[in-house]
């Protein structure tokens, strides 16, 4: 019932493009795909100021935990090379201003803070101004390269547990567009497909910003992977009908306890998967782990109410009503079958295994 119309011969863009490069550094500029224009247009934008990068993160021009981490690092590079500081102290002051601005853009995804802290530590370790600036750019470029290598290894690790003819559900977008280029959850599916495994993907629309229908569907079509798009509200029906074998999602933050922060709706998907005995996996690089925060300390980002109230300029609900629009939710560890990383697959009990594998991996 689900197969047939989106096979590889229907991947119209696959012959035109290979990898989608979400964010890169070129000629002292940050270049990124404007994801707000997808799927209608594949548009690249260029930024010369860190403030523009910060606004791009806020407006979801670039999104996905690994991608915004690298974008923020590149934003720090822009801040460094544009600074007029004459001393190390003055440059660090300028960098701290940029750090605070970029950090404020999205509070839930931990890769953002991880990347910014690495840049500040790198800058602080140098004494000469030019060494500081060069090291920041070099460190940012290394992050981008490492992101690709890490996610390709993560993809291979996860693909080993994918079986031929599996039907796999994914929520939101954890693909090339959420990373520098390869993807986490979708990276697993790409790796499985590259191994010659016959799989089908079920992608949720992911309201209210529609990352599933706009971005994941675009990517799966781009890479020629067989898929079907469904409403968020159809997940339970498909699971109860026996049409889904596995669930693989990404993550914006994972605590040492195994609590996973991901796009709103992930918790519901995980609860339904548990109810129907369907394995639920999370795919994320080790940089997504937060080994210090507690559940009640993590801020859940509240997005603008217009994401829910409007579609374009069309009003979808009465003016003046109250709106709750959390961008993320938290999935408890008892609902998670395993966590796929570049180090390996982490299994319960997470309180023990995460600390052991992530710290020493």
Foldseek 3Di string as FASTA:
>chain_A
DQDDDQFLVLLVQQVVDPWQFAWDADPQWIKGFQLLCFPVDGDIDIDLALLVLLVSDLVPRAAAQAGLLLSLLSNLLSQLVPDPDDFLVSSLVSSVVSLVSNCPRAQFFQSNVVSSVVLSVQLVVDGDSVSNSVSSVVSSNVSQVVQVVWQLLLLLQLLVPDAAAAEEEEEADFALRNHRIGGWLVNVVLNNVVVVGQYEYEYELQPDSRRRPGPVVNVCSNNRHHYDYDYLVCLLVCLVVVNHAAYEYEARAAELQGKTKDFPSPQVNLVSCVVSVHAYEYTYELSRYDHPDDPVVGDFDWGDQCSVQDDVPHGDDDPPDDDTHTGIDIHGRVSHQWYGTSQHIFGPPSNPRVCVRSVVD
